[in-house]
């Protein structure tokens, strides 16, 4: 989602907008009847930016347009991938529909343990990671650091003849391993974190806790 009208190119919102959208409840038509009822709001910080991804689950008053899963909402055709605007009494919301259903949307969540690794990390990165630090999505913990460890990096080079040379310990960089618990949605056999990040060994993760922003960390194992 973003601020302003959907056709405007806007940046992701800041915390003040998150606070405002969490207070939004209903949008009403000219007769005073609700056409939008907010059922759920979750949000995730973007690393280093101070901005957020916001996701809203809402119940809409629509009319069906033939077949194919498209509907009419406030005189506009909507479907998965289409833009949508809400005008609450105190805040405006503009975003993109990522799921649409005639039944309540209740994704299945499971708790997994993952191991995150980063090579050539700065020593201050390891010091800044705090065991027990966690990410709350506005409703519950979805990411919590349960352990951390490090080792020194060894630089190894290969000659043109295939011979290996160990250049020794690189004191300025560390190899960091972080163990964390996360809650993920199960979608088509895949584990999805923060609504859009697929969790699997070899993939990068982009998330942030109040005390540390995880960037360039690779998932090494999922349990």
N, C-alpha and C. Protein backbone atom coordinates (compact mmCIF):
# COMPACT_ATOMS: atom_id res chain seq x y z
N UNK A 1 0.83 -1.18 0.00
CA UNK A 1 0.00 0.00 0.00
C UNK A 1 0.87 1.24 0.00
N UNK A 2 0.29 2.39 -0.27
CA UNK A 2 1.02 3.65 -0.25
C UNK A 2 0.09 4.78 0.13
N UNK A 3 0.64 5.94 0.28
CA UNK A 3 -0.16 7.10 0.64
C UNK A 3 -0.73 7.76 -0.61
N UNK A 4 -1.90 8.40 -0.47
CA UNK A 4 -2.47 9.15 -1.58
C UNK A 4 -3.20 8.27 -2.57
N UNK A 5 -3.49 8.80 -3.73
CA UNK A 5 -4.23 8.08 -4.75
C UNK A 5 -3.37 7.01 -5.40
N UNK A 6 -4.01 5.93 -5.88
CA UNK A 6 -3.26 4.79 -6.35
C UNK A 6 -2.41 5.10 -7.58
N UNK A 7 -2.83 6.10 -8.39
CA UNK A 7 -2.05 6.38 -9.59
C UNK A 7 -0.84 7.27 -9.31
N UNK A 8 -0.71 7.75 -8.10
CA UNK A 8 0.46 8.56 -7.73
C UNK A 8 1.59 7.65 -7.28
N UNK A 9 2.82 8.00 -7.65
CA UNK A 9 3.99 7.23 -7.23
C UNK A 9 4.43 7.75 -5.87
N UNK A 10 4.22 6.96 -4.83
CA UNK A 10 4.51 7.40 -3.47
C UNK A 10 5.40 6.40 -2.76
N UNK A 11 6.11 6.84 -1.76
CA UNK A 11 6.95 5.97 -0.98
C UNK A 11 6.12 5.21 0.04
N UNK A 12 6.71 4.16 0.60
CA UNK A 12 6.02 3.41 1.64
C UNK A 12 5.85 4.32 2.86
N UNK A 13 4.79 4.08 3.64
CA UNK A 13 4.47 4.99 4.75
C UNK A 13 5.40 4.83 5.95
N UNK A 14 5.40 5.86 6.79
CA UNK A 14 6.17 5.85 8.02
C UNK A 14 5.28 5.43 9.19
N UNK A 15 5.86 5.45 10.40
CA UNK A 15 5.15 4.93 11.57
C UNK A 15 3.91 5.74 11.88
N UNK A 16 3.92 7.02 11.61
CA UNK A 16 2.73 7.83 11.91
C UNK A 16 1.53 7.39 11.09
N UNK A 17 1.80 6.89 9.87
CA UNK A 17 0.70 6.42 9.04
C UNK A 17 0.21 5.06 9.52
N UNK A 18 1.14 4.23 9.98
CA UNK A 18 0.76 2.94 10.56
C UNK A 18 -0.20 3.16 11.73
N UNK A 19 0.14 4.11 12.60
CA UNK A 19 -0.73 4.40 13.75
C UNK A 19 -2.11 4.86 13.30
N UNK A 20 -2.15 5.66 12.25
CA UNK A 20 -3.44 6.17 11.76
C UNK A 20 -4.30 5.07 11.16
N UNK A 21 -3.69 4.21 10.35
CA UNK A 21 -4.46 3.16 9.68
C UNK A 21 -4.95 2.12 10.66
N UNK A 22 -4.24 1.94 11.78
CA UNK A 22 -4.70 0.97 12.79
C UNK A 22 -5.96 1.44 13.49
N UNK A 23 -6.24 2.74 13.42
CA UNK A 23 -7.46 3.27 14.04
C UNK A 23 -8.66 3.21 13.10
N UNK A 24 -8.43 2.93 11.82
CA UNK A 24 -9.51 2.89 10.84
C UNK A 24 -10.38 1.66 11.08
N UNK A 25 -11.69 1.86 11.02
CA UNK A 25 -12.62 0.76 11.27
C UNK A 25 -13.56 0.51 10.09
N UNK A 26 -14.29 1.56 9.67
CA UNK A 26 -15.26 1.39 8.59
C UNK A 26 -15.26 2.59 7.65
N UNK A 27 -15.65 2.32 6.41
CA UNK A 27 -15.96 3.38 5.46
C UNK A 27 -17.44 3.24 5.12
N UNK A 28 -18.17 4.35 5.11
CA UNK A 28 -19.61 4.31 4.89
C UNK A 28 -19.98 5.02 3.59
N UNK A 29 -21.11 4.61 3.01
CA UNK A 29 -21.60 5.28 1.80
C UNK A 29 -22.43 6.50 2.18
N UNK A 30 -23.06 7.13 1.21
CA UNK A 30 -23.81 8.37 1.47
C UNK A 30 -25.01 8.15 2.36
N UNK A 31 -25.50 6.93 2.45
CA UNK A 31 -26.65 6.63 3.32
C UNK A 31 -26.23 6.24 4.73
N UNK A 32 -24.93 6.19 4.96
CA UNK A 32 -24.43 5.83 6.28
C UNK A 32 -24.22 4.34 6.50
N UNK A 33 -24.39 3.54 5.44
CA UNK A 33 -24.19 2.10 5.57
C UNK A 33 -22.74 1.74 5.28
N UNK A 34 -22.17 0.82 6.03
CA UNK A 34 -20.75 0.46 5.82
C UNK A 34 -20.53 -0.27 4.51
N UNK A 35 -19.50 0.15 3.79
CA UNK A 35 -19.10 -0.55 2.57
C UNK A 35 -17.72 -1.18 2.73
N UNK A 36 -17.00 -0.78 3.77
CA UNK A 36 -15.71 -1.37 4.11
C UNK A 36 -15.65 -1.59 5.62
N UNK A 37 -15.32 -2.79 6.04
CA UNK A 37 -15.13 -3.09 7.45
C UNK A 37 -13.75 -3.72 7.62
N UNK A 38 -12.86 -3.00 8.30
CA UNK A 38 -11.49 -3.51 8.52
C UNK A 38 -11.52 -4.61 9.56
N UNK A 39 -10.96 -5.75 9.22
CA UNK A 39 -10.94 -6.89 10.13
C UNK A 39 -9.56 -7.16 10.71
N UNK A 40 -8.53 -6.73 10.00
CA UNK A 40 -7.18 -7.05 10.47
C UNK A 40 -6.18 -6.11 9.83
N UNK A 41 -5.16 -5.68 10.60
CA UNK A 41 -4.07 -4.84 10.09
C UNK A 41 -2.75 -5.41 10.60
N UNK A 42 -1.85 -5.71 9.68
CA UNK A 42 -0.51 -6.13 10.06
C UNK A 42 0.50 -5.25 9.33
N UNK A 43 1.69 -5.10 9.92
CA UNK A 43 2.71 -4.24 9.31
C UNK A 43 4.09 -4.76 9.63
N UNK A 44 5.02 -4.50 8.69
CA UNK A 44 6.38 -5.00 8.81
C UNK A 44 7.36 -3.89 8.42
N UNK A 45 8.35 -3.61 9.26
CA UNK A 45 9.32 -2.55 8.94
C UNK A 45 10.28 -2.98 7.85
N UNK A 46 10.69 -2.03 7.03
CA UNK A 46 11.71 -2.27 6.03
C UNK A 46 13.08 -1.94 6.63
N UNK A 47 14.04 -2.78 6.37
CA UNK A 47 15.36 -2.60 6.97
C UNK A 47 15.95 -1.24 6.62
N UNK A 48 16.39 -0.52 7.62
CA UNK A 48 17.12 0.75 7.52
C UNK A 48 16.28 1.95 7.08
N UNK A 49 15.09 1.75 6.53
CA UNK A 49 14.39 2.87 5.90
C UNK A 49 13.47 3.63 6.85
N UNK A 50 13.02 3.00 7.93
CA UNK A 50 12.03 3.63 8.81
C UNK A 50 10.64 3.62 8.21
N UNK A 51 10.45 2.85 7.13
CA UNK A 51 9.15 2.74 6.47
C UNK A 51 8.60 1.33 6.65
N UNK A 52 7.33 1.15 6.25
CA UNK A 52 6.65 -0.10 6.54
C UNK A 52 5.87 -0.62 5.35
N UNK A 53 5.74 -1.95 5.29
CA UNK A 53 4.75 -2.59 4.44
C UNK A 53 3.52 -2.85 5.30
N UNK A 54 2.35 -2.44 4.83
CA UNK A 54 1.12 -2.59 5.59
C UNK A 54 0.16 -3.48 4.81
N UNK A 55 -0.49 -4.39 5.52
CA UNK A 55 -1.47 -5.29 4.92
C UNK A 55 -2.78 -5.19 5.69
N UNK A 56 -3.88 -5.02 4.95
CA UNK A 56 -5.20 -4.90 5.55
C UNK A 56 -6.07 -6.05 5.03
N UNK A 57 -6.79 -6.68 5.95
CA UNK A 57 -7.85 -7.61 5.59
C UNK A 57 -9.16 -6.89 5.86
N UNK A 58 -10.01 -6.77 4.85
CA UNK A 58 -11.24 -6.00 4.99
C UNK A 58 -12.41 -6.72 4.31
N UNK A 59 -13.59 -6.49 4.84
CA UNK A 59 -14.83 -7.00 4.26
C UNK A 59 -15.46 -5.88 3.44
N UNK A 60 -15.73 -6.13 2.15
CA UNK A 60 -16.22 -5.10 1.24
C UNK A 60 -17.65 -5.40 0.78
N UNK A 61 -18.40 -4.35 0.52
CA UNK A 61 -19.70 -4.47 -0.12
C UNK A 61 -19.48 -4.29 -1.62
N UNK A 62 -19.72 -5.35 -2.39
CA UNK A 62 -19.44 -5.34 -3.82
C UNK A 62 -20.62 -5.92 -4.59
N UNK A 63 -20.57 -5.77 -5.91
CA UNK A 63 -21.51 -6.46 -6.80
C UNK A 63 -20.68 -7.29 -7.76
N UNK A 64 -21.15 -8.50 -8.05
CA UNK A 64 -20.38 -9.42 -8.88
C UNK A 64 -20.54 -9.06 -10.36
N UNK A 65 -19.45 -9.18 -11.10
CA UNK A 65 -19.45 -8.91 -12.53
C UNK A 65 -19.27 -10.21 -13.30
N UNK A 66 -20.35 -10.86 -13.65
CA UNK A 66 -20.27 -12.08 -14.43
C UNK A 66 -19.42 -13.14 -13.76
N UNK A 67 -18.55 -13.79 -14.54
CA UNK A 67 -17.67 -14.81 -13.98
C UNK A 67 -16.24 -14.32 -13.92
N UNK A 68 -15.34 -15.19 -13.50
CA UNK A 68 -13.92 -14.86 -13.49
C UNK A 68 -13.41 -14.24 -12.22
N UNK A 69 -14.25 -14.10 -11.19
CA UNK A 69 -13.79 -13.60 -9.91
C UNK A 69 -13.58 -12.11 -9.83
N UNK A 70 -14.23 -11.33 -10.72
CA UNK A 70 -14.13 -9.88 -10.65
C UNK A 70 -15.41 -9.28 -10.09
N UNK A 71 -15.23 -8.14 -9.40
CA UNK A 71 -16.35 -7.51 -8.73
C UNK A 71 -16.30 -6.00 -8.95
N UNK A 72 -17.42 -5.35 -8.68
CA UNK A 72 -17.51 -3.90 -8.77
C UNK A 72 -17.54 -3.32 -7.37
N UNK A 73 -16.62 -2.41 -7.10
CA UNK A 73 -16.55 -1.76 -5.79
C UNK A 73 -16.42 -0.26 -6.00
N UNK A 74 -17.38 0.50 -5.53
CA UNK A 74 -17.40 1.96 -5.70
C UNK A 74 -17.21 2.35 -7.17
N UNK A 75 -17.95 1.67 -8.04
CA UNK A 75 -17.97 1.95 -9.47
C UNK A 75 -16.65 1.62 -10.18
N UNK A 76 -15.82 0.80 -9.56
CA UNK A 76 -14.57 0.36 -10.18
C UNK A 76 -14.47 -1.16 -10.14
N UNK A 77 -13.96 -1.74 -11.21
CA UNK A 77 -13.76 -3.18 -11.25
C UNK A 77 -12.54 -3.56 -10.43
N UNK A 78 -12.70 -4.55 -9.56
CA UNK A 78 -11.58 -4.98 -8.72
C UNK A 78 -11.36 -6.47 -8.89
N UNK A 79 -10.13 -6.87 -8.69
CA UNK A 79 -9.71 -8.27 -8.72
C UNK A 79 -8.30 -8.34 -8.19
N UNK A 80 -7.76 -9.53 -8.07
CA UNK A 80 -6.39 -9.67 -7.59
C UNK A 80 -5.44 -8.93 -8.54
N UNK A 81 -4.62 -8.04 -7.97
CA UNK A 81 -3.70 -7.24 -8.75
C UNK A 81 -4.19 -5.85 -9.08
N UNK A 82 -5.46 -5.57 -8.81
CA UNK A 82 -6.00 -4.24 -9.13
C UNK A 82 -5.81 -3.28 -7.96
N UNK A 83 -5.72 -1.98 -8.22
CA UNK A 83 -5.61 -0.99 -7.15
C UNK A 83 -6.95 -0.80 -6.46
N UNK A 84 -6.91 -0.31 -5.23
CA UNK A 84 -8.13 -0.06 -4.48
C UNK A 84 -7.88 1.09 -3.52
N UNK A 85 -8.92 1.92 -3.32
CA UNK A 85 -8.83 3.06 -2.41
C UNK A 85 -9.90 2.95 -1.34
N UNK A 86 -9.52 3.22 -0.10
CA UNK A 86 -10.46 3.34 1.01
C UNK A 86 -10.38 4.76 1.54
N UNK A 87 -11.52 5.32 1.87
CA UNK A 87 -11.57 6.67 2.44
C UNK A 87 -12.26 6.62 3.79
N UNK A 88 -11.44 6.41 4.83
CA UNK A 88 -11.97 6.38 6.18
C UNK A 88 -12.14 7.81 6.69
N UNK A 89 -12.75 7.96 7.83
CA UNK A 89 -13.04 9.31 8.33
C UNK A 89 -11.78 10.10 8.65
N UNK A 90 -10.69 9.41 9.01
CA UNK A 90 -9.49 10.11 9.44
C UNK A 90 -8.25 9.81 8.60
N UNK A 91 -8.34 8.89 7.65
CA UNK A 91 -7.16 8.51 6.88
C UNK A 91 -7.60 7.87 5.56
N UNK A 92 -6.76 8.04 4.55
CA UNK A 92 -7.01 7.41 3.25
C UNK A 92 -6.00 6.30 3.03
N UNK A 93 -6.49 5.20 2.47
CA UNK A 93 -5.64 4.04 2.21
C UNK A 93 -5.70 3.71 0.74
N UNK A 94 -4.55 3.54 0.11
CA UNK A 94 -4.47 3.13 -1.28
C UNK A 94 -3.53 1.94 -1.39
N UNK A 95 -3.95 0.92 -2.10
CA UNK A 95 -3.10 -0.25 -2.19
C UNK A 95 -3.46 -1.15 -3.35
N UNK A 96 -2.92 -2.36 -3.33
CA UNK A 96 -3.14 -3.36 -4.37
C UNK A 96 -3.75 -4.60 -3.74
N UNK A 97 -4.76 -5.16 -4.37
CA UNK A 97 -5.41 -6.36 -3.86
C UNK A 97 -4.52 -7.57 -4.13
N UNK A 98 -4.21 -8.33 -3.08
CA UNK A 98 -3.37 -9.52 -3.25
C UNK A 98 -4.16 -10.81 -3.05
N UNK A 99 -5.38 -10.70 -2.53
CA UNK A 99 -6.24 -11.87 -2.37
C UNK A 99 -7.68 -11.39 -2.31
N UNK A 100 -8.59 -12.16 -2.88
CA UNK A 100 -9.99 -11.78 -2.92
C UNK A 100 -10.82 -13.06 -2.82
N UNK A 101 -11.77 -13.09 -1.89
CA UNK A 101 -12.53 -14.32 -1.67
C UNK A 101 -13.91 -13.98 -1.12
N UNK A 102 -14.87 -14.86 -1.45
CA UNK A 102 -16.22 -14.70 -0.88
C UNK A 102 -16.29 -15.30 0.52
N UNK A 103 -15.24 -16.02 0.92
CA UNK A 103 -15.17 -16.61 2.25
C UNK A 103 -14.13 -15.87 3.08
N UNK A 104 -14.24 -15.92 4.41
CA UNK A 104 -13.23 -15.26 5.26
C UNK A 104 -11.83 -15.75 4.93
N UNK A 105 -10.88 -14.82 4.86
CA UNK A 105 -9.49 -15.16 4.55
C UNK A 105 -8.74 -15.42 5.85
N UNK A 106 -8.45 -16.68 6.11
CA UNK A 106 -7.77 -17.08 7.34
C UNK A 106 -6.58 -17.96 7.00
N UNK A 107 -5.44 -17.37 6.68
CA UNK A 107 -4.26 -18.18 6.32
C UNK A 107 -3.80 -19.05 7.48
N UNK A 108 -3.23 -20.20 7.16
CA UNK A 108 -2.71 -21.12 8.16
C UNK A 108 -1.26 -20.75 8.48
N UNK A 109 -0.97 -20.53 9.75
CA UNK A 109 0.38 -20.17 10.17
C UNK A 109 0.99 -21.29 11.00
N UNK A 110 2.29 -21.48 10.81
CA UNK A 110 3.03 -22.46 11.60
C UNK A 110 4.31 -21.80 12.09
N UNK A 111 4.87 -22.33 13.15
CA UNK A 111 6.13 -21.81 13.69
C UNK A 111 7.28 -22.67 13.21
N UNK A 112 8.32 -22.02 12.69
CA UNK A 112 9.50 -22.71 12.20
C UNK A 112 10.74 -22.12 12.86
N UNK A 113 11.81 -22.90 12.88
CA UNK A 113 13.11 -22.42 13.33
C UNK A 113 14.02 -22.30 12.11
N UNK A 114 14.65 -21.14 11.96
CA UNK A 114 15.54 -20.94 10.82
C UNK A 114 16.92 -20.52 11.32
N UNK A 115 17.92 -20.77 10.50
CA UNK A 115 19.29 -20.35 10.78
C UNK A 115 19.73 -19.37 9.69
N UNK A 116 20.15 -18.20 10.12
CA UNK A 116 20.57 -17.15 9.21
C UNK A 116 22.09 -16.99 9.29
N UNK A 117 22.73 -16.85 8.15
CA UNK A 117 24.18 -16.70 8.14
C UNK A 117 24.58 -15.47 7.34
N UNK A 118 25.69 -14.90 7.74
CA UNK A 118 26.27 -13.79 6.98
C UNK A 118 27.78 -13.88 7.04
N UNK A 119 28.40 -13.90 5.86
CA UNK A 119 29.85 -13.97 5.76
C UNK A 119 30.42 -12.56 5.64
N UNK A 120 31.60 -12.37 6.18
CA UNK A 120 32.29 -11.09 6.15
C UNK A 120 31.48 -9.97 6.82
N UNK A 121 30.81 -10.29 7.91
CA UNK A 121 30.04 -9.29 8.66
C UNK A 121 30.99 -8.50 9.56
N UNK A 122 30.60 -7.27 9.87
CA UNK A 122 31.40 -6.46 10.79
C UNK A 122 31.18 -6.93 12.23
N UNK A 123 32.19 -6.80 13.08
CA UNK A 123 32.03 -7.20 14.48
C UNK A 123 30.87 -6.48 15.17
N UNK A 124 30.63 -5.21 14.80
CA UNK A 124 29.53 -4.49 15.45
C UNK A 124 28.16 -5.08 15.12
N UNK A 125 28.06 -5.77 13.97
CA UNK A 125 26.80 -6.41 13.62
C UNK A 125 26.48 -7.54 14.60
N UNK A 126 27.50 -8.32 14.91
CA UNK A 126 27.29 -9.40 15.88
C UNK A 126 26.92 -8.83 17.25
N UNK A 127 27.62 -7.77 17.65
CA UNK A 127 27.35 -7.16 18.96
C UNK A 127 25.93 -6.59 19.03
N UNK A 128 25.43 -6.07 17.92
CA UNK A 128 24.11 -5.42 17.92
C UNK A 128 22.96 -6.43 17.95
N UNK A 129 23.21 -7.65 17.50
CA UNK A 129 22.16 -8.68 17.52
C UNK A 129 21.93 -9.12 18.96
N UNK A 130 20.69 -9.04 19.41
CA UNK A 130 20.36 -9.34 20.80
C UNK A 130 19.46 -10.57 20.87
N UNK A 131 19.90 -11.57 21.62
CA UNK A 131 19.06 -12.75 21.85
C UNK A 131 17.81 -12.30 22.62
N UNK A 132 16.66 -12.70 22.16
CA UNK A 132 15.39 -12.29 22.77
C UNK A 132 14.72 -11.14 22.05
N UNK A 133 15.47 -10.45 21.18
CA UNK A 133 14.88 -9.37 20.38
C UNK A 133 13.86 -9.97 19.42
N UNK A 134 12.75 -9.26 19.18
CA UNK A 134 11.71 -9.84 18.35
C UNK A 134 10.99 -8.78 17.52
N UNK A 135 10.32 -9.27 16.49
CA UNK A 135 9.49 -8.44 15.62
C UNK A 135 8.03 -8.76 15.90
N UNK A 136 7.24 -7.71 16.15
CA UNK A 136 5.79 -7.84 16.33
C UNK A 136 5.11 -7.20 15.13
N UNK A 137 4.18 -7.90 14.52
CA UNK A 137 3.50 -7.39 13.32
C UNK A 137 2.24 -6.59 13.63
N UNK A 138 2.10 -6.18 14.89
CA UNK A 138 0.91 -5.45 15.31
C UNK A 138 -0.07 -6.31 16.06
N UNK A 139 0.13 -7.64 15.98
CA UNK A 139 -0.76 -8.57 16.68
C UNK A 139 0.01 -9.55 17.55
N UNK A 140 1.15 -10.03 17.06
CA UNK A 140 1.88 -11.07 17.76
C UNK A 140 3.33 -11.10 17.30
N UNK A 141 4.16 -11.88 18.03
CA UNK A 141 5.54 -12.08 17.61
C UNK A 141 5.56 -12.95 16.35
N UNK A 142 6.31 -12.51 15.35
CA UNK A 142 6.45 -13.31 14.14
C UNK A 142 7.90 -13.66 13.86
N UNK A 143 8.82 -13.06 14.63
CA UNK A 143 10.25 -13.33 14.46
C UNK A 143 10.92 -13.06 15.79
N UNK A 144 11.68 -14.03 16.30
CA UNK A 144 12.38 -13.86 17.58
C UNK A 144 13.75 -14.52 17.51
N UNK A 145 14.78 -13.79 17.94
CA UNK A 145 16.15 -14.31 17.97
C UNK A 145 16.32 -15.17 19.21
N UNK A 146 16.74 -16.42 19.03
CA UNK A 146 16.89 -17.32 20.18
C UNK A 146 18.35 -17.67 20.46
N UNK A 147 19.25 -17.45 19.49
CA UNK A 147 20.67 -17.75 19.73
C UNK A 147 21.51 -17.10 18.64
N UNK A 148 22.78 -16.92 18.92
CA UNK A 148 23.71 -16.38 17.93
C UNK A 148 25.11 -16.91 18.20
N UNK A 149 25.93 -16.97 17.17
CA UNK A 149 27.32 -17.40 17.31
C UNK A 149 28.12 -16.80 16.16
N UNK A 150 29.44 -16.83 16.29
CA UNK A 150 30.28 -16.32 15.21
C UNK A 150 31.59 -17.09 15.17
N UNK A 151 32.25 -16.98 14.04
CA UNK A 151 33.60 -17.50 13.89
C UNK A 151 34.36 -16.53 13.00
N UNK A 152 35.68 -16.61 13.03
CA UNK A 152 36.49 -15.74 12.19
C UNK A 152 36.48 -16.27 10.76
N UNK A 153 36.54 -15.35 9.81
CA UNK A 153 36.62 -15.73 8.41
C UNK A 153 38.06 -16.06 8.04
N UNK A 154 38.23 -17.08 7.25
CA UNK A 154 39.53 -17.41 6.68
C UNK A 154 39.49 -17.13 5.18
N UNK A 155 40.40 -16.33 4.70
CA UNK A 155 40.47 -16.04 3.26
C UNK A 155 41.30 -17.13 2.57
N UNK A 156 40.67 -17.78 1.61
CA UNK A 156 41.35 -18.82 0.84
C UNK A 156 41.34 -18.42 -0.62
N UNK A 157 42.51 -18.43 -1.27
CA UNK A 157 42.59 -18.09 -2.70
C UNK A 157 43.09 -19.30 -3.46
N UNK A 158 42.73 -19.36 -4.74
CA UNK A 158 43.14 -20.46 -5.62
C UNK A 158 44.04 -19.92 -6.72
N UNK A 159 45.17 -20.58 -6.93
CA UNK A 159 46.06 -20.17 -8.02
C UNK A 159 45.51 -20.70 -9.34
N UNK A 160 46.12 -20.26 -10.43
CA UNK A 160 45.68 -20.72 -11.75
C UNK A 160 45.91 -22.21 -11.95
N UNK A 161 46.72 -22.81 -11.09
CA UNK A 161 46.96 -24.24 -11.18
C UNK A 161 46.10 -25.04 -10.20
N UNK A 162 45.19 -24.36 -9.51
CA UNK A 162 44.27 -25.04 -8.61
C UNK A 162 44.77 -25.24 -7.20
N UNK A 163 45.94 -24.67 -6.87
CA UNK A 163 46.47 -24.81 -5.53
C UNK A 163 45.82 -23.80 -4.60
N UNK A 164 45.49 -24.22 -3.37
CA UNK A 164 44.82 -23.36 -2.41
C UNK A 164 45.82 -22.74 -1.46
N UNK A 165 45.63 -21.47 -1.15
CA UNK A 165 46.44 -20.78 -0.15
C UNK A 165 45.52 -20.17 0.88
N UNK A 166 45.77 -20.45 2.16
CA UNK A 166 45.00 -19.88 3.25
C UNK A 166 45.71 -18.61 3.72
N UNK A 167 45.04 -17.48 3.60
CA UNK A 167 45.65 -16.21 3.97
C UNK A 167 45.52 -15.91 5.46
N UNK A 168 44.89 -16.85 6.20
CA UNK A 168 44.80 -16.66 7.64
C UNK A 168 43.50 -16.01 8.08
N UNK A 169 43.44 -15.67 9.34
CA UNK A 169 42.23 -15.12 9.93
C UNK A 169 42.06 -13.66 9.55
N UNK A 170 40.86 -13.31 9.13
CA UNK A 170 40.54 -11.91 8.85
C UNK A 170 39.86 -11.32 10.09
N UNK A 171 40.58 -10.57 10.87
CA UNK A 171 40.06 -10.11 12.15
C UNK A 171 38.93 -9.09 12.00
N UNK A 172 38.90 -8.37 10.89
CA UNK A 172 37.93 -7.30 10.74
C UNK A 172 36.54 -7.81 10.33
N UNK A 173 36.40 -9.08 10.00
CA UNK A 173 35.13 -9.62 9.56
C UNK A 173 34.80 -10.89 10.33
N UNK A 174 33.51 -11.15 10.47
CA UNK A 174 33.04 -12.34 11.18
C UNK A 174 32.06 -13.12 10.31
N UNK A 175 31.98 -14.41 10.61
CA UNK A 175 30.95 -15.25 10.00
C UNK A 175 29.89 -15.47 11.08
N UNK A 176 28.72 -14.89 10.87
CA UNK A 176 27.67 -14.87 11.90
C UNK A 176 26.61 -15.92 11.59
N UNK A 177 26.18 -16.61 12.63
CA UNK A 177 25.04 -17.54 12.53
C UNK A 177 24.01 -17.14 13.57
N UNK A 178 22.77 -16.93 13.13
CA UNK A 178 21.68 -16.52 14.02
C UNK A 178 20.58 -17.57 13.95
N UNK A 179 20.15 -18.04 15.10
CA UNK A 179 19.01 -18.96 15.18
C UNK A 179 17.78 -18.16 15.59
N UNK A 180 16.69 -18.33 14.85
CA UNK A 180 15.49 -17.55 15.12
C UNK A 180 14.24 -18.40 14.93
N UNK A 181 13.20 -18.03 15.67
CA UNK A 181 11.88 -18.63 15.48
C UNK A 181 11.01 -17.66 14.70
N UNK A 182 10.31 -18.17 13.70
CA UNK A 182 9.44 -17.30 12.91
C UNK A 182 8.09 -17.98 12.70
N UNK A 183 7.08 -17.15 12.44
CA UNK A 183 5.76 -17.66 12.06
C UNK A 183 5.58 -17.40 10.57
N UNK A 184 5.22 -18.45 9.85
CA UNK A 184 5.08 -18.35 8.41
C UNK A 184 3.73 -18.91 7.98
N UNK A 185 3.22 -18.40 6.88
CA UNK A 185 2.01 -18.94 6.29
C UNK A 185 2.39 -20.09 5.35
N UNK A 186 1.55 -21.11 5.31
CA UNK A 186 1.79 -22.24 4.41
C UNK A 186 0.94 -22.02 3.16
N UNK A 187 1.60 -21.77 2.03
CA UNK A 187 0.91 -21.48 0.78
C UNK A 187 1.48 -22.36 -0.32
N UNK A 188 0.64 -23.25 -0.85
CA UNK A 188 1.05 -24.15 -1.93
C UNK A 188 2.33 -24.91 -1.59
N UNK A 189 2.43 -25.33 -0.32
CA UNK A 189 3.58 -26.11 0.11
C UNK A 189 4.82 -25.30 0.43
N UNK A 190 4.72 -23.97 0.30
CA UNK A 190 5.85 -23.10 0.62
C UNK A 190 5.59 -22.35 1.91
N UNK A 191 6.68 -21.98 2.60
CA UNK A 191 6.60 -21.18 3.81
C UNK A 191 6.79 -19.71 3.43
N UNK A 192 5.81 -18.88 3.76
CA UNK A 192 5.84 -17.47 3.37
C UNK A 192 5.87 -16.61 4.62
N UNK A 193 6.89 -15.75 4.70
CA UNK A 193 7.10 -14.87 5.85
C UNK A 193 6.80 -13.43 5.48
N UNK A 194 6.17 -12.70 6.37
CA UNK A 194 5.81 -11.30 6.13
C UNK A 194 4.99 -11.15 4.84
N UNK A 195 4.10 -12.10 4.62
CA UNK A 195 3.13 -12.09 3.51
C UNK A 195 3.72 -12.38 2.14
N UNK A 196 5.03 -12.09 1.93
CA UNK A 196 5.56 -12.19 0.56
C UNK A 196 6.92 -12.87 0.44
N UNK A 197 7.67 -13.05 1.55
CA UNK A 197 9.00 -13.63 1.46
C UNK A 197 8.95 -15.15 1.60
N UNK A 198 9.36 -15.86 0.57
CA UNK A 198 9.41 -17.32 0.63
C UNK A 198 10.64 -17.74 1.44
N UNK A 199 10.42 -18.59 2.43
CA UNK A 199 11.49 -19.03 3.31
C UNK A 199 11.99 -20.41 2.87
N UNK A 200 13.27 -20.47 2.47
CA UNK A 200 13.89 -21.72 2.04
C UNK A 200 15.40 -21.55 2.10
N UNK A 201 16.15 -22.63 2.33
CA UNK A 201 17.61 -22.53 2.34
C UNK A 201 18.15 -21.94 1.05
N UNK A 202 19.12 -21.02 1.19
CA UNK A 202 19.72 -20.36 0.04
C UNK A 202 19.11 -19.02 -0.29
N UNK A 203 17.93 -18.73 0.28
CA UNK A 203 17.28 -17.45 0.01
C UNK A 203 17.74 -16.39 1.03
N UNK A 204 17.73 -15.14 0.59
CA UNK A 204 18.00 -14.04 1.50
C UNK A 204 16.73 -13.69 2.27
N UNK A 205 16.91 -13.13 3.45
CA UNK A 205 15.77 -12.66 4.24
C UNK A 205 15.96 -11.17 4.50
N UNK A 206 14.87 -10.45 4.45
CA UNK A 206 14.89 -9.01 4.71
C UNK A 206 13.86 -8.72 5.80
N UNK A 207 14.35 -8.50 7.01
CA UNK A 207 13.45 -8.21 8.11
C UNK A 207 14.18 -7.33 9.12
N UNK A 208 13.44 -6.85 10.10
CA UNK A 208 14.03 -5.91 11.05
C UNK A 208 13.36 -6.05 12.41
N UNK A 209 14.17 -6.05 13.46
CA UNK A 209 13.67 -5.99 14.84
C UNK A 209 13.92 -4.57 15.36
N UNK A 210 13.43 -4.25 16.55
CA UNK A 210 13.67 -2.91 17.08
C UNK A 210 15.14 -2.54 17.23
N UNK A 211 16.03 -3.55 17.31
CA UNK A 211 17.43 -3.26 17.58
C UNK A 211 18.38 -3.65 16.45
N UNK A 212 17.86 -4.28 15.39
CA UNK A 212 18.77 -4.71 14.33
C UNK A 212 18.00 -4.91 13.03
N UNK A 213 18.64 -4.52 11.92
CA UNK A 213 18.07 -4.73 10.59
C UNK A 213 18.85 -5.84 9.89
N UNK A 214 18.17 -6.91 9.53
CA UNK A 214 18.82 -8.04 8.88
C UNK A 214 18.85 -7.81 7.36
N UNK A 215 20.03 -7.53 6.85
CA UNK A 215 20.22 -7.40 5.41
C UNK A 215 21.39 -8.28 5.00
N UNK A 216 21.28 -8.90 3.84
CA UNK A 216 22.31 -9.78 3.29
C UNK A 216 22.54 -11.02 4.13
N UNK A 217 21.54 -11.42 4.91
CA UNK A 217 21.61 -12.68 5.65
C UNK A 217 20.96 -13.78 4.81
N UNK A 218 21.64 -14.92 4.74
CA UNK A 218 21.17 -16.04 3.93
C UNK A 218 20.61 -17.13 4.85
N UNK A 219 19.49 -17.70 4.46
CA UNK A 219 18.90 -18.81 5.22
C UNK A 219 19.68 -20.08 4.90
N UNK A 220 20.25 -20.69 5.94
CA UNK A 220 21.03 -21.92 5.73
C UNK A 220 20.25 -23.18 6.05
N UNK A 221 19.25 -23.06 6.96
CA UNK A 221 18.49 -24.26 7.34
C UNK A 221 17.14 -23.84 7.88
N UNK A 222 16.11 -24.66 7.60
CA UNK A 222 14.76 -24.46 8.12
C UNK A 222 14.34 -25.73 8.83
N UNK A 223 13.91 -25.60 10.07
CA UNK A 223 13.47 -26.77 10.85
C UNK A 223 12.01 -26.62 11.26
